Amino acid sequence: MDFKQIANAHSKQYYSIFQEAAEQLNPFWKRYSELNNRLDYLPLGSKDYAEMEKECEKAKAEHDTRQIEVKRLYAEYEKENQRAGYVFSLKASHLYALAAKMNGIAGSIINDLDRLEKGNGE
């Protein structure tokens, strides 16, 4: 069983969800940027500037609202990526040491239970 492949596939699911949301956010940023750039070419204090500024603020608010969800999805991806990342640091020598330690503990428990059954450990 390839645990690294499983871990990669797991975190890739979360990344795909985040990536899709980020791509859906791009048109909102593009719209805001276009409007903001137009403001640079309008006379400050003019009626056109005031109207464009309101439209720009509305586009920015729409983008910011949607960006909250994208940031949440990214945080979820990061959390799952870190959680799955422990698989990559797991090595056979670590597993052997863990199994040996657990074997020693299990042996001690069995010895204690045997003594209790025989009445020597009361």
C-alpha atoms as a PDB file:
ATOM      1  CA  MET A   1       0.000   0.000   0.000  1.00  0.00           C
ATOM      2  CA  ASP A   2       1.429   3.374  -1.014  1.00  0.00           C
ATOM      3  CA  PHE A   3       0.642   5.676   1.902  1.00  0.00           C
ATOM      4  CA  LYS A   4       2.372   8.648   0.282  1.00  0.00           C
ATOM      5  CA  GLN A   5       0.133   8.377  -2.756  1.00  0.00           C
ATOM      6  CA  ILE A   6      -2.939   8.156  -0.514  1.00  0.00           C
ATOM      7  CA  ALA A   7      -1.791  11.232   1.451  1.00  0.00           C
ATOM      8  CA  ASN A   8      -1.151  13.169  -1.757  1.00  0.00           C
ATOM      9  CA  ALA A   9      -4.553  12.213  -3.162  1.00  0.00           C
ATOM     10  CA  HIS A  10      -6.223  13.236   0.089  1.00  0.00           C
ATOM     11  CA  SER A  11      -4.697  16.709   0.203  1.00  0.00           C
ATOM     12  CA  LYS A  12      -5.124  17.126  -3.566  1.00  0.00           C
ATOM     13  CA  GLN A  13      -8.911  16.872  -3.118  1.00  0.00           C
ATOM     14  CA  TYR A  14      -8.857  19.871  -0.791  1.00  0.00           C
ATOM     15  CA  TYR A  15      -6.501  21.767  -3.088  1.00  0.00           C
ATOM     16  CA  SER A  16      -8.805  21.183  -6.066  1.00  0.00           C
ATOM     17  CA  ILE A  17     -11.764  22.592  -4.142  1.00  0.00           C
ATOM     18  CA  PHE A  18      -9.702  25.636  -3.135  1.00  0.00           C
ATOM     19  CA  GLN A  19      -8.349  26.085  -6.680  1.00  0.00           C
ATOM     20  CA  GLU A  20     -11.830  26.004  -8.195  1.00  0.00           C
ATOM     21  CA  ALA A  21     -13.069  28.630  -5.726  1.00  0.00           C
ATOM     22  CA  ALA A  22     -10.006  30.812  -6.399  1.00  0.00           C
ATOM     23  CA  GLU A  23     -10.614  30.623 -10.148  1.00  0.00           C
ATOM     24  CA  GLN A  24     -14.237  31.633  -9.633  1.00  0.00           C
ATOM     25  CA  LEU A  25     -13.012  34.627  -7.620  1.00  0.00           C
ATOM     26  CA  ASN A  26     -10.733  35.916 -10.397  1.00  0.00           C
ATOM     27  CA  PRO A  27     -13.460  37.640 -12.475  1.00  0.00           C
ATOM     28  CA  PHE A  28     -14.518  39.627  -9.408  1.00  0.00           C
ATOM     29  CA  TRP A  29     -10.949  40.819  -8.856  1.00  0.00           C
ATOM     30  CA  LYS A  30     -10.589  41.605 -12.541  1.00  0.00           C
ATOM     31  CA  ARG A  31     -13.799  43.674 -12.504  1.00  0.00           C
ATOM     32  CA  TYR A  32     -12.645  45.592  -9.426  1.00  0.00           C
ATOM     33  CA  SER A  33      -9.205  46.224 -10.955  1.00  0.00           C
ATOM     34  CA  GLU A  34     -10.708  47.495 -14.208  1.00  0.00           C
ATOM     35  CA  LEU A  35     -12.975  49.911 -12.371  1.00  0.00           C
ATOM     36  CA  ASN A  36     -10.170  51.048 -10.100  1.00  0.00           C
ATOM     37  CA  ASN A  37      -7.912  51.702 -13.101  1.00  0.00           C
ATOM     38  CA  ARG A  38     -10.639  53.794 -14.752  1.00  0.00           C
ATOM     39  CA  LEU A  39     -10.753  55.979 -11.649  1.00  0.00           C
ATOM     40  CA  ASP A  40      -7.149  56.987 -12.340  1.00  0.00           C
ATOM     41  CA  TYR A  41      -8.190  58.644 -15.607  1.00  0.00           C
ATOM     42  CA  LEU A  42     -11.220  60.534 -14.328  1.00  0.00           C
ATOM     43  CA  PRO A  43     -11.031  64.021 -12.870  1.00  0.00           C
ATOM     44  CA  LEU A  44     -11.052  63.894  -9.098  1.00  0.00           C
ATOM     45  CA  GLY A  45     -14.263  65.341  -7.695  1.00  0.00           C
ATOM     46  CA  SER A  46     -16.210  64.977 -10.954  1.00  0.00           C
ATOM     47  CA  LYS A  47     -19.646  63.370 -11.184  1.00  0.00           C
ATOM     48  CA  ASP A  48     -18.175  60.552 -13.307  1.00  0.00           C
ATOM     49  CA  TYR A  49     -15.519  59.933 -10.667  1.00  0.00           C
ATOM     50  CA  ALA A  50     -18.096  59.735  -7.867  1.00  0.00           C
ATOM     51  CA  GLU A  51     -20.251  57.280  -9.837  1.00  0.00           C
ATOM     52  CA  MET A  52     -17.260  55.159 -10.813  1.00  0.00           C
ATOM     53  CA  GLU A  53     -16.001  55.182  -7.219  1.00  0.00           C
ATOM     54  CA  LYS A  54     -19.352  53.838  -5.962  1.00  0.00           C
ATOM     55  CA  GLU A  55     -19.303  51.115  -8.604  1.00  0.00           C
ATOM     56  CA  CYS A  56     -15.692  50.330  -7.715  1.00  0.00           C
ATOM     57  CA  GLU A  57     -16.514  50.065  -4.005  1.00  0.00           C
ATOM     58  CA  LYS A  58     -19.436  47.767  -4.795  1.00  0.00           C
ATOM     59  CA  ALA A  59     -17.180  45.515  -6.914  1.00  0.00           C
ATOM     60  CA  LYS A  60     -14.540  45.477  -4.161  1.00  0.00           C
ATOM     61  CA  ALA A  61     -17.136  44.544  -1.535  1.00  0.00           C
ATOM     62  CA  GLU A  62     -18.396  41.697  -3.734  1.00  0.00           C
ATOM     63  CA  HIS A  63     -14.844  40.434  -4.206  1.00  0.00           C
ATOM     64  CA  ASP A  64     -14.014  40.697  -0.497  1.00  0.00           C
ATOM     65  CA  THR A  65     -17.159  38.803   0.484  1.00  0.00           C
ATOM     66  CA  ARG A  66     -16.310  35.942  -1.856  1.00  0.00           C
ATOM     67  CA  GLN A  67     -12.654  35.987  -0.833  1.00  0.00           C
ATOM     68  CA  ILE A  68     -13.587  35.078   2.733  1.00  0.00           C
ATOM     69  CA  GLU A  69     -14.811  31.675   1.518  1.00  0.00           C
ATOM     70  CA  VAL A  70     -11.698  31.171  -0.631  1.00  0.00           C
ATOM     71  CA  LYS A  71      -9.461  31.907   2.371  1.00  0.00           C
ATOM     72  CA  ARG A  72     -11.475  29.458   4.486  1.00  0.00           C
ATOM     73  CA  LEU A  73     -11.044  26.766   1.826  1.00  0.00           C
ATOM     74  CA  TYR A  74      -7.315  27.451   1.652  1.00  0.00           C
ATOM     75  CA  ALA A  75      -6.998  27.155   5.430  1.00  0.00           C
ATOM     76  CA  GLU A  76      -8.865  23.845   5.259  1.00  0.00           C
ATOM     77  CA  TYR A  77      -6.485  22.647   2.527  1.00  0.00           C
ATOM     78  CA  GLU A  78      -3.457  23.697   4.601  1.00  0.00           C
ATOM     79  CA  LYS A  79      -4.808  21.890   7.663  1.00  0.00           C
ATOM     80  CA  GLU A  80      -5.403  18.659   5.742  1.00  0.00           C
ATOM     81  CA  ASN A  81      -2.076  18.956   3.959  1.00  0.00           C
ATOM     82  CA  GLN A  82      -0.266  19.220   7.295  1.00  0.00           C
ATOM     83  CA  ARG A  83      -2.302  16.377   8.754  1.00  0.00           C
ATOM     84  CA  ALA A  84      -1.471  14.117   5.808  1.00  0.00           C
ATOM     85  CA  GLY A  85       2.144  15.269   5.797  1.00  0.00           C
ATOM     86  CA  TYR A  86       3.058  13.071   8.750  1.00  0.00           C
ATOM     87  CA  VAL A  87       2.996  10.110   6.367  1.00  0.00           C
ATOM     88  CA  PHE A  88       6.073  11.484   4.608  1.00  0.00           C
ATOM     89  CA  SER A  89       8.188  11.521   7.759  1.00  0.00           C
ATOM     90  CA  LEU A  90       7.208   7.977   8.737  1.00  0.00           C
ATOM     91  CA  LYS A  91      10.100   5.634   8.012  1.00  0.00           C
ATOM     92  CA  ALA A  92      10.462   1.874   8.396  1.00  0.00           C
ATOM     93  CA  SER A  93      13.022   2.327  11.186  1.00  0.00           C
ATOM     94  CA  HIS A  94      10.486   4.390  13.150  1.00  0.00           C
ATOM     95  CA  LEU A  95       7.849   1.713  12.695  1.00  0.00           C
ATOM     96  CA  TYR A  96      10.296  -0.975  13.815  1.00  0.00           C
ATOM     97  CA  ALA A  97      11.182   0.980  16.963  1.00  0.00           C
ATOM     98  CA  LEU A  98       7.496   1.561  17.711  1.00  0.00           C
ATOM     99  CA  ALA A  99       6.631  -2.115  17.168  1.00  0.00           C
ATOM    100  CA  ALA A 100       9.537  -3.224  19.384  1.00  0.00           C
ATOM    101  CA  LYS A 101       8.442  -0.850  22.166  1.00  0.00           C
ATOM    102  CA  MET A 102       4.817  -2.001  21.902  1.00  0.00           C
ATOM    103  CA  ASN A 103       5.970  -5.631  21.943  1.00  0.00           C
ATOM    104  CA  GLY A 104       7.869  -4.973  25.190  1.00  0.00           C
ATOM    105  CA  ILE A 105       4.835  -3.290  26.758  1.00  0.00           C
ATOM    106  CA  ALA A 106       2.553  -6.118  25.649  1.00  0.00           C
ATOM    107  CA  GLY A 107       4.982  -8.662  27.116  1.00  0.00           C
ATOM    108  CA  SER A 108       4.989  -6.843  30.458  1.00  0.00           C
ATOM    109  CA  ILE A 109       1.188  -6.751  30.528  1.00  0.00           C
ATOM    110  CA  ILE A 110       0.962 -10.465  29.771  1.00  0.00           C
ATOM    111  CA  ASN A 111       3.494 -11.269  32.529  1.00  0.00           C
ATOM    112  CA  ASP A 112       1.519  -9.140  35.014  1.00  0.00           C
ATOM    113  CA  LEU A 113      -1.732 -10.857  34.049  1.00  0.00           C
ATOM    114  CA  ASP A 114      -0.115 -14.289  34.428  1.00  0.00           C
ATOM    115  CA  ARG A 115       1.107 -13.369  37.931  1.00  0.00           C
ATOM    116  CA  LEU A 116      -2.340 -12.129  38.886  1.00  0.00           C
ATOM    117  CA  GLU A 117      -3.966 -15.352  37.672  1.00  0.00           C
ATOM    118  CA  LYS A 118      -1.513 -17.439  39.692  1.00  0.00           C
ATOM    119  CA  GLY A 119      -2.060 -15.308  42.780  1.00  0.00           C
ATOM    120  CA  ASN A 120       1.532 -14.096  43.003  1.00  0.00           C
ATOM    121  CA  GLY A 121       0.838 -10.500  42.145  1.00  0.00           C
ATOM    122  CA  GLU A 122      -1.873  -9.664  44.693  1.00  0.00           C
END
